């Protein structure tokens, strides 16, 4: 059976989050459902999409698939290759010295199983001496830092040794919450190799931006006269400043939408950015300003509280 790249089947990157995989599956399942699609090969495509989703939606299955590719299922059933490909190379060099004849086995997988069972017994361990385990840690990024991406240095405590270790990480631009960044060979270590370290991304609000669902929200501070009369103001966004029109009569809490200026939700698409109006008043007034405001209060029929309107 030909190897299937499940990420290509679902049309998502290897760093896709669980939500992105779910959305991609629903989209493709609708597109290729035999009762809907008239495309040639739609039924097989529908089966492939379901097969890919069954693996990638399950964190344990996905982890095995990421590590072993087409051999993931054999490993899960306990008769696949040893965890680290470098172990396979060493076994091929050393199994003769361990007293095995490859002609005694129906396939090389049996050789590996026997070799590692022997190694485990000789060392007083389990059935085989595994490579270092994969490990997972969390990396928290401000929204604007995650949007831009780039190189980042971070320090983590190794859960095995308890030592502080430094890592240089390349953050993909537009990385999503829940996605994992793989650092090959930086996980748990053993005499037979090292596992991988996976950094699970968290997006945290910054002083300027926060996420509400898929959309980005920022605070737009305006003066009372800008809110009342309307104004054209400068608004910082994730990818540069823009001019924004504040409609006349805007109250605090009003949200002004900037379509497609939010956070990436899929390749080539972005959510919306909302500028939430907050009116600020001066803490001190000149004599002229005070007189103008007092006059405004005298002539205005506006009553912000219903109980004062009577």
Protein backbone atom coordinates (compact mmCIF):
# COMPACT_ATOMS: atom_id res chain seq x y z
CA UNK A 1 0.00 0.00 0.00
CA UNK A 2 1.40 3.39 -0.99
CA UNK A 3 2.38 5.74 1.83
CA UNK A 4 -0.16 8.52 2.41
CA UNK A 5 0.91 11.88 3.75
CA UNK A 6 -2.05 12.62 5.98
CA UNK A 7 -1.15 16.31 6.24
CA UNK A 8 -1.26 16.63 2.44
CA UNK A 9 -4.53 14.69 2.36
CA UNK A 10 -6.12 17.24 4.72
CA UNK A 11 -4.27 20.14 3.04
CA UNK A 12 -2.79 21.44 6.29
CA UNK A 13 0.81 22.07 7.42
CA UNK A 14 2.53 19.70 9.87
CA UNK A 15 2.25 22.44 12.50
CA UNK A 16 -1.55 22.59 12.19
CA UNK A 17 -3.47 22.90 15.46
CA UNK A 18 -6.28 20.55 16.46
CA UNK A 19 -8.84 23.20 15.49
CA UNK A 20 -7.26 23.67 12.05
CA UNK A 21 -7.32 19.91 11.45
CA UNK A 22 -10.97 19.78 12.50
CA UNK A 23 -11.91 22.65 10.16
CA UNK A 24 -9.96 21.16 7.25
CA UNK A 25 -11.62 17.77 7.75
CA UNK A 26 -15.13 19.22 7.81
CA UNK A 27 -14.47 21.26 4.69
CA UNK A 28 -13.04 18.36 2.68
CA UNK A 29 -15.56 15.82 3.97
CA UNK A 30 -18.37 18.05 2.70
CA UNK A 31 -16.59 18.65 -0.59
CA UNK A 32 -15.94 14.98 -1.40
CA UNK A 33 -18.95 13.30 0.20
CA UNK A 34 -20.26 10.75 -2.33
CA UNK A 35 -23.79 12.12 -1.99
CA UNK A 36 -22.59 15.62 -2.90
CA UNK A 37 -19.52 15.49 -5.14
CA UNK A 38 -19.67 14.46 -8.78
CA UNK A 39 -15.88 14.63 -9.22
CA UNK A 40 -14.04 11.58 -10.46
CA UNK A 41 -12.40 9.76 -7.55
CA UNK A 42 -14.45 11.64 -4.95
CA UNK A 43 -15.37 8.45 -3.08
CA UNK A 44 -11.71 7.43 -2.63
CA UNK A 45 -10.77 10.99 -1.71
CA UNK A 46 -13.54 10.95 0.92
CA UNK A 47 -12.13 7.71 2.37
CA UNK A 48 -8.60 9.15 2.45
CA UNK A 49 -9.82 12.29 4.22
CA UNK A 50 -11.56 10.20 6.89
CA UNK A 51 -8.50 7.99 7.33
CA UNK A 52 -6.22 11.00 7.74
CA UNK A 53 -8.58 12.63 10.23
CA UNK A 54 -8.82 9.48 12.35
CA UNK A 55 -5.04 9.62 12.88
CA UNK A 56 -4.35 13.35 13.12
CA UNK A 57 -7.26 14.18 15.45
CA UNK A 58 -5.91 11.73 18.04
CA UNK A 59 -2.85 13.23 19.83
CA UNK A 60 -1.30 9.82 20.55
CA UNK A 61 -1.75 8.51 17.03
CA UNK A 62 -0.55 11.81 15.57
CA UNK A 63 2.58 11.73 17.71
CA UNK A 64 3.41 8.21 16.48
CA UNK A 65 2.68 9.23 12.89
CA UNK A 66 4.93 12.31 13.19
CA UNK A 67 7.76 10.18 14.54
CA UNK A 68 7.52 7.06 12.37
CA UNK A 69 5.56 7.99 9.25
CA UNK A 70 4.20 4.95 7.48
CA UNK A 71 5.51 2.64 10.24
CA UNK A 72 3.45 4.34 12.97
CA UNK A 73 0.80 1.64 13.18
CA UNK A 74 3.33 -1.17 13.42
CA UNK A 75 5.06 0.65 16.25
CA UNK A 76 1.72 1.17 18.03
CA UNK A 77 1.07 -2.58 17.81
CA UNK A 78 4.46 -3.34 19.34
CA UNK A 79 6.23 -4.94 16.39
CA UNK A 80 7.50 -1.98 14.44
CA UNK A 81 11.02 -0.59 14.19
CA UNK A 82 12.80 0.74 17.30
CA UNK A 83 11.92 4.34 18.19
CA UNK A 84 15.01 6.03 16.76
CA UNK A 85 16.08 5.33 13.14
CA UNK A 86 19.67 5.58 14.33
CA UNK A 87 19.01 2.52 16.48
CA UNK A 88 18.03 0.60 13.36
CA UNK A 89 21.39 1.43 11.77
CA UNK A 90 23.28 0.34 14.89
CA UNK A 91 21.31 -2.90 15.08
CA UNK A 92 22.11 -3.69 11.46
CA UNK A 93 25.78 -3.31 12.33
CA UNK A 94 25.66 -5.13 15.66
CA UNK A 95 23.01 -7.87 15.56
CA UNK A 96 25.54 -10.42 14.32
CA UNK A 97 27.76 -9.73 17.28
CA UNK A 98 24.77 -10.29 19.52
CA UNK A 99 24.44 -13.87 18.26
CA UNK A 100 21.56 -13.56 15.77
CA UNK A 101 21.32 -15.03 12.28
CA UNK A 102 19.08 -12.88 10.05
CA UNK A 103 18.06 -15.99 8.10
CA UNK A 104 16.19 -17.22 11.16
CA UNK A 105 13.67 -14.41 10.88
CA UNK A 106 10.94 -13.78 8.33
CA UNK A 107 11.61 -10.05 8.24
CA UNK A 108 13.98 -7.49 9.66
CA UNK A 109 11.29 -6.33 12.07
CA UNK A 110 11.61 -9.66 13.88
CA UNK A 111 15.37 -9.18 14.10
CA UNK A 112 14.90 -5.82 15.76
CA UNK A 113 12.35 -7.12 18.21
CA UNK A 114 14.58 -10.02 19.21
CA UNK A 115 17.64 -7.81 19.48
CA UNK A 116 15.96 -5.30 21.75
CA UNK A 117 14.38 -8.00 23.91
CA UNK A 118 17.88 -9.41 24.40
CA UNK A 119 19.25 -5.94 25.15
CA UNK A 120 16.51 -5.35 27.69
CA UNK A 121 17.16 -8.64 29.51
CA UNK A 122 20.92 -8.10 29.52
CA UNK A 123 20.48 -4.65 31.08
CA UNK A 124 17.83 -5.79 33.56
CA UNK A 125 15.30 -3.52 31.83
CA UNK A 126 12.06 -4.05 29.94
CA UNK A 127 11.64 -5.81 26.60
CA UNK A 128 13.90 -3.34 24.87
CA UNK A 129 16.02 -0.37 25.80
CA UNK A 130 14.20 2.56 24.14
CA UNK A 131 15.64 5.75 22.85
CA UNK A 132 15.04 8.91 24.85
CA UNK A 133 11.38 9.83 25.15
CA UNK A 134 9.77 12.73 23.37
CA UNK A 135 9.03 15.64 25.69
CA UNK A 136 6.64 18.56 25.54
CA UNK A 137 6.82 22.06 26.97
CA UNK A 138 4.76 25.22 26.57
CA UNK A 139 5.93 28.43 24.93
CA UNK A 140 3.82 31.55 25.54
CA UNK A 141 4.00 34.22 22.85
CA UNK A 142 2.51 37.68 22.68
CA UNK A 143 0.14 37.93 19.73
CA UNK A 144 2.29 40.37 17.75
CA UNK A 145 5.43 38.24 18.32
CA UNK A 146 3.66 35.11 17.10
CA UNK A 147 2.32 37.00 14.08
CA UNK A 148 5.80 38.10 12.99
CA UNK A 149 7.63 34.90 13.97
CA UNK A 150 11.41 34.64 13.78
CA UNK A 151 14.27 33.37 15.93
CA UNK A 152 13.78 33.23 19.67
CA UNK A 153 16.00 32.06 22.52
CA UNK A 154 14.40 30.42 25.53
CA UNK A 155 15.48 28.58 28.65
CA UNK A 156 13.74 25.42 29.90
CA UNK A 157 14.36 23.02 32.75
CA UNK A 158 15.18 19.51 31.50
CA UNK A 159 12.64 17.26 33.31
CA UNK A 160 15.12 14.37 33.29
CA UNK A 161 18.27 16.05 34.59
CA UNK A 162 16.73 19.11 36.24
CA UNK A 163 19.31 21.27 34.48
CA UNK A 164 18.53 24.57 32.77
CA UNK A 165 18.98 24.29 29.01
CA UNK A 166 19.03 26.98 26.34
CA UNK A 167 17.27 26.52 23.00
CA UNK A 168 17.20 28.58 19.83
CA UNK A 169 13.76 28.27 18.28
CA UNK A 170 12.47 29.41 14.91
CA UNK A 171 8.90 30.58 15.38
CA UNK A 172 6.83 30.21 12.17
CA UNK A 173 5.10 33.48 11.29
CA UNK A 174 1.42 33.31 12.20
CA UNK A 175 1.77 30.26 14.44
CA UNK A 176 -1.54 29.28 16.05
CA UNK A 177 -2.41 28.47 19.63
CA UNK A 178 -2.16 24.71 20.16
CA UNK A 179 0.35 24.15 17.38
CA UNK A 180 3.56 22.35 18.23
CA UNK A 181 7.08 23.34 17.20
CA UNK A 182 9.39 20.33 16.94
CA UNK A 183 13.01 20.48 18.07
CA UNK A 184 14.51 17.27 16.71
CA UNK A 185 16.79 15.40 19.08
CA UNK A 186 16.25 17.85 21.95
CA UNK A 187 13.99 15.66 24.07
CA UNK A 188 14.74 12.94 26.61
CA UNK A 189 18.10 11.24 26.31
CA UNK A 190 19.26 7.69 26.83
CA UNK A 191 22.20 5.53 25.87
CA UNK A 192 20.48 4.75 22.59
CA UNK A 193 19.66 8.25 21.40
CA UNK A 194 17.48 11.27 22.07
CA UNK A 195 13.81 11.96 21.53
CA UNK A 196 12.30 15.17 20.23
CA UNK A 197 11.13 18.21 22.15
CA UNK A 198 7.74 19.64 21.18
CA UNK A 199 6.87 23.20 22.15
CA UNK A 200 3.11 23.71 22.36
CA UNK A 201 2.21 27.31 21.55
CA UNK A 202 0.08 29.53 23.76
CA UNK A 203 -0.95 33.00 22.61
CA UNK A 204 -1.17 35.55 25.40
CA UNK A 205 -2.61 39.06 25.23
CA UNK A 206 -0.16 41.94 25.06
CA UNK A 207 -0.48 45.56 26.12
CA UNK A 208 -1.98 46.34 22.71
CA UNK A 209 -3.74 43.25 21.33
CA UNK A 210 -5.91 40.40 22.57
CA UNK A 211 -7.78 37.53 20.89
CA UNK A 212 -11.55 37.05 21.04
CA UNK A 213 -12.19 33.79 19.22
CA UNK A 214 -10.31 34.12 15.95
CA UNK A 215 -10.52 37.91 15.89
CA UNK A 216 -8.02 40.41 17.27
CA UNK A 217 -9.18 43.29 19.47
CA UNK A 218 -7.26 46.47 20.22
CA UNK A 219 -8.21 49.52 22.27
CA UNK A 220 -8.64 52.84 20.47
CA UNK A 221 -8.37 55.80 22.84
CA UNK A 222 -10.21 58.94 21.66
CA UNK A 223 -10.91 62.38 23.08
CA UNK A 224 -14.52 63.37 23.89
CA UNK A 225 -14.73 65.72 20.93
CA UNK A 226 -13.39 63.03 18.56
CA UNK A 227 -16.06 60.65 19.79
CA UNK A 228 -18.80 63.27 19.48
CA UNK A 229 -17.78 64.87 16.18
CA UNK A 230 -16.02 61.98 14.49
CA UNK A 231 -12.34 61.94 13.51
CA UNK A 232 -9.67 60.32 11.37
CA UNK A 233 -7.03 58.72 13.61
CA UNK A 234 -3.95 56.51 13.33
CA UNK A 235 -4.41 52.92 14.52
CA UNK A 236 -1.51 50.44 15.00
CA UNK A 237 -2.27 46.94 13.64
CA UNK A 238 -0.31 43.68 13.57
CA UNK A 239 1.35 44.66 10.30
CA UNK A 240 1.67 48.44 10.46
CA UNK A 241 -0.42 51.52 11.18
CA UNK A 242 -3.54 52.51 9.22
CA UNK A 243 -5.84 55.53 9.14
CA UNK A 244 -9.19 54.81 10.70
CA UNK A 245 -12.40 56.83 10.60
CA UNK A 246 -14.15 57.18 13.95
CA UNK A 247 -17.86 57.72 13.28
CA UNK A 248 -19.48 60.73 14.94
CA UNK A 249 -21.38 59.84 18.09
CA UNK A 250 -19.15 56.91 19.08
CA UNK A 251 -19.48 55.81 22.70
CA UNK A 252 -16.98 53.85 24.77
CA UNK A 253 -17.24 50.14 23.96
CA UNK A 254 -18.11 50.64 20.29
CA UNK A 255 -16.13 48.29 18.06
CA UNK A 256 -14.98 49.40 14.61
CA UNK A 257 -14.22 46.48 12.29
CA UNK A 258 -11.20 46.26 10.00
CA UNK A 259 -11.84 43.28 7.76
CA UNK A 260 -8.93 40.91 7.15
CA UNK A 261 -6.53 42.73 9.48
CA UNK A 262 -6.63 40.19 12.31
CA UNK A 263 -4.68 36.96 12.91
CA UNK A 264 -4.00 34.27 10.26
CA UNK A 265 -6.65 31.54 10.36
CA UNK A 266 -5.48 29.52 7.34
CA UNK A 267 -2.90 29.98 4.57
CA UNK A 268 -3.74 33.25 2.83
CA UNK A 269 -6.64 34.22 5.09
CA UNK A 270 -6.90 36.36 8.21
CA UNK A 271 -9.56 37.13 10.76
CA UNK A 272 -10.79 40.66 11.48
CA UNK A 273 -9.37 43.34 13.73
CA UNK A 274 -11.74 45.28 15.98
CA UNK A 275 -10.83 48.69 17.39
CA UNK A 276 -12.75 49.12 20.65
CA UNK A 277 -13.40 52.79 21.43
CA UNK A 278 -12.44 54.11 24.85
CA UNK A 279 -13.14 57.77 25.60
CA UNK A 280 -10.65 59.50 27.86
CA UNK A 281 -11.15 62.93 29.37
CA UNK A 282 -8.49 65.43 30.45
CA UNK A 283 -7.57 65.32 34.12
CA UNK A 284 -7.36 69.12 34.31
CA UNK A 285 -9.15 71.90 32.42
CA UNK A 286 -8.24 75.43 31.51
CA UNK A 287 -10.71 78.16 32.48
CA UNK A 288 -11.88 78.48 28.87
CA UNK A 289 -12.36 74.70 28.51
CA UNK A 290 -14.40 74.58 31.69
CA UNK A 291 -16.68 77.42 30.53
CA UNK A 292 -17.23 75.73 27.15
CA UNK A 293 -18.14 72.46 28.79
CA UNK A 294 -20.49 74.15 31.24
CA UNK A 295 -22.19 75.93 28.36
CA UNK A 296 -22.45 72.64 26.46
CA UNK A 297 -24.11 71.05 29.49
CA UNK A 298 -26.62 73.92 29.68
CA UNK A 299 -27.75 73.80 26.06
CA UNK A 300 -27.60 70.03 25.45
CA UNK A 301 -30.74 67.90 25.62
CA UNK A 302 -28.67 64.70 25.80
CA UNK A 303 -29.28 62.63 28.93
CA UNK A 304 -27.06 59.54 29.29
CA UNK A 305 -29.20 58.13 32.13
CA UNK A 306 -32.88 57.44 31.67
CA UNK A 307 -33.72 58.37 35.25
CA UNK A 308 -32.41 61.90 34.63
CA UNK A 309 -34.58 62.44 31.56
CA UNK A 310 -37.82 62.99 33.52
